[in-house]
N, C-alpha and C. Protein backbone atom coordinates (compact mmCIF):
# COMPACT_ATOMS: atom_id res chain seq x y z
N MET A 1 -11.99 -11.65 13.69
CA MET A 1 -12.58 -12.24 12.51
C MET A 1 -11.77 -13.49 12.15
N SER A 2 -12.44 -14.57 11.88
CA SER A 2 -11.75 -15.79 11.49
C SER A 2 -11.54 -15.82 10.00
N PRO A 3 -10.62 -16.66 9.47
CA PRO A 3 -10.44 -16.74 8.03
C PRO A 3 -11.72 -17.13 7.29
N ILE A 4 -12.58 -17.88 7.93
CA ILE A 4 -13.82 -18.29 7.31
C ILE A 4 -14.73 -17.09 7.09
N ASP A 5 -14.69 -16.15 8.00
CA ASP A 5 -15.53 -14.95 7.93
C ASP A 5 -14.98 -13.89 6.98
N ASP A 6 -13.75 -14.06 6.53
CA ASP A 6 -13.09 -13.07 5.69
C ASP A 6 -13.76 -13.06 4.31
N ARG A 7 -14.39 -11.95 3.99
CA ARG A 7 -15.13 -11.82 2.73
C ARG A 7 -14.54 -10.76 1.83
N ASP A 8 -13.37 -10.28 2.10
CA ASP A 8 -12.73 -9.22 1.30
C ASP A 8 -13.63 -8.03 1.10
N ASP A 9 -14.20 -7.53 2.17
CA ASP A 9 -15.00 -6.32 2.13
C ASP A 9 -14.12 -5.20 1.63
N PRO A 10 -14.53 -4.45 0.59
CA PRO A 10 -13.69 -3.40 0.03
C PRO A 10 -13.19 -2.40 1.06
N ALA A 11 -14.02 -2.07 2.04
CA ALA A 11 -13.59 -1.10 3.07
C ALA A 11 -12.47 -1.71 3.94
N ASP A 12 -12.58 -3.00 4.22
CA ASP A 12 -11.55 -3.68 5.02
C ASP A 12 -10.25 -3.79 4.23
N VAL A 13 -10.34 -4.10 2.94
CA VAL A 13 -9.15 -4.21 2.08
C VAL A 13 -8.46 -2.85 2.02
N PHE A 14 -9.22 -1.78 1.79
CA PHE A 14 -8.67 -0.43 1.74
C PHE A 14 -7.99 -0.09 3.07
N ASP A 15 -8.65 -0.35 4.17
CA ASP A 15 -8.08 -0.01 5.47
C ASP A 15 -6.80 -0.78 5.76
N SER A 16 -6.79 -2.05 5.40
CA SER A 16 -5.58 -2.86 5.59
C SER A 16 -4.42 -2.32 4.75
N ALA A 17 -4.71 -1.98 3.50
CA ALA A 17 -3.70 -1.41 2.62
C ALA A 17 -3.20 -0.06 3.16
N ARG A 18 -4.12 0.77 3.61
CA ARG A 18 -3.75 2.08 4.15
C ARG A 18 -2.86 1.94 5.36
N ARG A 19 -3.23 1.05 6.26
CA ARG A 19 -2.45 0.84 7.48
C ARG A 19 -1.04 0.32 7.17
N THR A 20 -0.97 -0.58 6.16
CA THR A 20 0.32 -1.12 5.80
C THR A 20 1.26 -0.04 5.27
N VAL A 21 0.77 0.83 4.36
CA VAL A 21 1.67 1.87 3.83
C VAL A 21 2.03 2.86 4.91
N ILE A 22 1.15 3.13 5.83
CA ILE A 22 1.46 4.04 6.96
C ILE A 22 2.57 3.42 7.79
N GLN A 23 2.49 2.12 8.06
CA GLN A 23 3.53 1.46 8.86
C GLN A 23 4.88 1.49 8.14
N HIS A 24 4.85 1.48 6.81
CA HIS A 24 6.11 1.49 6.05
C HIS A 24 6.62 2.90 5.78
N ALA A 25 5.87 3.92 6.13
CA ALA A 25 6.31 5.29 5.91
C ALA A 25 7.62 5.52 6.67
N ASP A 26 8.48 6.26 6.06
CA ASP A 26 9.80 6.58 6.66
C ASP A 26 10.62 5.35 6.99
N ALA A 27 10.60 4.37 6.04
CA ALA A 27 11.40 3.14 6.16
C ALA A 27 11.01 2.26 7.31
N GLY A 28 9.75 2.35 7.76
CA GLY A 28 9.25 1.47 8.79
C GLY A 28 8.96 0.09 8.24
N THR A 29 8.47 -0.77 9.11
CA THR A 29 8.10 -2.14 8.69
C THR A 29 6.74 -2.49 9.27
N CYS A 30 6.14 -3.49 8.68
CA CYS A 30 4.84 -3.99 9.15
C CYS A 30 5.03 -5.33 9.84
N PHE A 31 3.94 -5.90 10.31
CA PHE A 31 3.98 -7.18 11.02
C PHE A 31 4.46 -8.31 10.12
N ASN A 32 4.43 -8.09 8.84
CA ASN A 32 4.69 -9.17 7.88
C ASN A 32 6.10 -9.10 7.25
N CYS A 33 6.94 -8.22 7.71
CA CYS A 33 8.24 -8.08 7.04
C CYS A 33 9.36 -7.81 8.01
N THR A 34 10.55 -7.99 7.46
CA THR A 34 11.76 -7.61 8.18
C THR A 34 12.57 -6.61 7.39
N ASP A 35 12.23 -6.50 6.10
CA ASP A 35 12.95 -5.58 5.21
C ASP A 35 11.93 -4.77 4.42
N SER A 36 11.82 -3.51 4.69
CA SER A 36 10.83 -2.63 4.06
C SER A 36 10.95 -2.62 2.55
N ASN A 37 12.14 -2.88 2.02
CA ASN A 37 12.34 -2.85 0.57
C ASN A 37 11.87 -4.10 -0.14
N ASP A 38 11.55 -5.16 0.57
CA ASP A 38 11.18 -6.41 -0.07
C ASP A 38 10.00 -7.05 0.66
N CYS A 39 8.96 -6.28 0.91
CA CYS A 39 7.81 -6.78 1.65
C CYS A 39 6.65 -6.99 0.68
N LYS A 40 6.19 -8.23 0.60
CA LYS A 40 5.06 -8.54 -0.30
C LYS A 40 3.77 -7.88 0.16
N GLN A 41 3.61 -7.72 1.46
CA GLN A 41 2.39 -7.05 1.96
C GLN A 41 2.38 -5.60 1.54
N TYR A 42 3.56 -4.94 1.59
CA TYR A 42 3.65 -3.56 1.21
C TYR A 42 3.40 -3.39 -0.31
N ALA A 43 3.96 -4.30 -1.09
CA ALA A 43 3.71 -4.26 -2.55
C ALA A 43 2.23 -4.44 -2.84
N TRP A 44 1.56 -5.36 -2.13
CA TRP A 44 0.13 -5.55 -2.27
C TRP A 44 -0.63 -4.30 -1.91
N ALA A 45 -0.24 -3.69 -0.80
CA ALA A 45 -0.92 -2.48 -0.32
C ALA A 45 -0.79 -1.34 -1.34
N LEU A 46 0.39 -1.15 -1.87
CA LEU A 46 0.58 -0.10 -2.88
C LEU A 46 -0.30 -0.35 -4.10
N ASP A 47 -0.37 -1.60 -4.53
CA ASP A 47 -1.18 -1.97 -5.68
C ASP A 47 -2.67 -1.67 -5.39
N GLN A 48 -3.12 -2.02 -4.21
CA GLN A 48 -4.50 -1.79 -3.84
C GLN A 48 -4.84 -0.30 -3.82
N LEU A 49 -3.98 0.49 -3.21
CA LEU A 49 -4.26 1.91 -3.08
C LEU A 49 -4.18 2.64 -4.42
N ARG A 50 -3.34 2.17 -5.30
CA ARG A 50 -3.21 2.81 -6.60
C ARG A 50 -4.44 2.58 -7.49
N ARG A 51 -5.36 1.71 -7.06
CA ARG A 51 -6.54 1.39 -7.86
C ARG A 51 -7.70 2.33 -7.59
N SER A 52 -7.63 3.21 -6.61
CA SER A 52 -8.77 4.08 -6.29
C SER A 52 -8.32 5.51 -6.04
N PRO A 53 -9.22 6.46 -6.31
CA PRO A 53 -8.88 7.87 -6.02
C PRO A 53 -8.58 8.10 -4.54
N ALA A 54 -9.30 7.48 -3.66
CA ALA A 54 -9.03 7.66 -2.22
C ALA A 54 -7.66 7.07 -1.85
N GLY A 55 -7.33 5.94 -2.45
CA GLY A 55 -6.01 5.34 -2.20
C GLY A 55 -4.89 6.19 -2.74
N LEU A 56 -5.10 6.78 -3.91
CA LEU A 56 -4.07 7.70 -4.48
C LEU A 56 -3.88 8.90 -3.58
N LEU A 57 -4.98 9.38 -2.99
CA LEU A 57 -4.87 10.50 -2.07
C LEU A 57 -4.00 10.13 -0.85
N VAL A 58 -4.20 8.93 -0.32
CA VAL A 58 -3.39 8.47 0.81
C VAL A 58 -1.92 8.45 0.40
N LEU A 59 -1.64 7.93 -0.78
CA LEU A 59 -0.25 7.89 -1.23
C LEU A 59 0.38 9.25 -1.42
N VAL A 60 -0.42 10.19 -1.93
CA VAL A 60 0.06 11.57 -2.11
C VAL A 60 0.32 12.18 -0.74
N GLN A 61 -0.57 11.99 0.21
CA GLN A 61 -0.40 12.55 1.54
C GLN A 61 0.85 12.00 2.23
N LEU A 62 1.18 10.75 1.95
CA LEU A 62 2.37 10.13 2.54
C LEU A 62 3.62 10.35 1.69
N ASP A 63 3.48 11.10 0.59
CA ASP A 63 4.56 11.41 -0.32
C ASP A 63 5.17 10.14 -0.91
N ILE A 64 4.30 9.20 -1.30
CA ILE A 64 4.70 7.96 -1.96
C ILE A 64 4.34 8.10 -3.41
N ALA A 65 5.27 7.72 -4.27
CA ALA A 65 5.07 7.85 -5.71
C ALA A 65 3.79 7.16 -6.18
N THR A 66 3.07 7.85 -7.01
CA THR A 66 1.85 7.30 -7.60
C THR A 66 2.10 7.12 -9.08
N PRO A 67 1.25 6.39 -9.80
CA PRO A 67 1.52 6.13 -11.23
C PRO A 67 1.80 7.39 -12.04
N ALA A 68 1.13 8.48 -11.72
CA ALA A 68 1.33 9.70 -12.48
C ALA A 68 2.70 10.33 -12.27
N ASN A 69 3.32 10.08 -11.10
CA ASN A 69 4.62 10.70 -10.85
C ASN A 69 5.76 9.69 -10.70
N VAL A 70 5.52 8.46 -11.10
CA VAL A 70 6.59 7.47 -11.09
C VAL A 70 7.40 7.64 -12.35
N VAL A 71 8.71 7.75 -12.19
CA VAL A 71 9.59 7.88 -13.35
C VAL A 71 10.02 6.49 -13.77
N THR A 72 9.77 6.14 -15.02
CA THR A 72 10.16 4.86 -15.51
C THR A 72 11.57 4.93 -16.11
N GLU A 73 12.21 3.79 -16.23
CA GLU A 73 13.55 3.78 -16.83
C GLU A 73 13.46 4.28 -18.28
N GLU A 74 12.37 3.97 -18.95
CA GLU A 74 12.18 4.39 -20.32
C GLU A 74 12.18 5.90 -20.45
N GLY A 75 11.58 6.60 -19.47
CA GLY A 75 11.48 8.04 -19.54
C GLY A 75 12.69 8.80 -19.05
N GLN A 76 13.69 8.12 -18.55
CA GLN A 76 14.87 8.80 -18.01
C GLN A 76 15.85 9.12 -19.08
């Protein structure tokens, strides 16, 4: 698919986000990073997945913190 054809299909966005978090599981990296702790693609993917029930399920299955179980500094 060329950049001109990219229409941000929700299914494609979800799949891209899902694949990115899977690649980062267990301190892995994706094609877009060298440091798993500072990857903008990974941050984008987490944000995308946290927006939908299916995305939250993916995060739970991968044991990645979701908004409901993220501990904030305020709550500590």
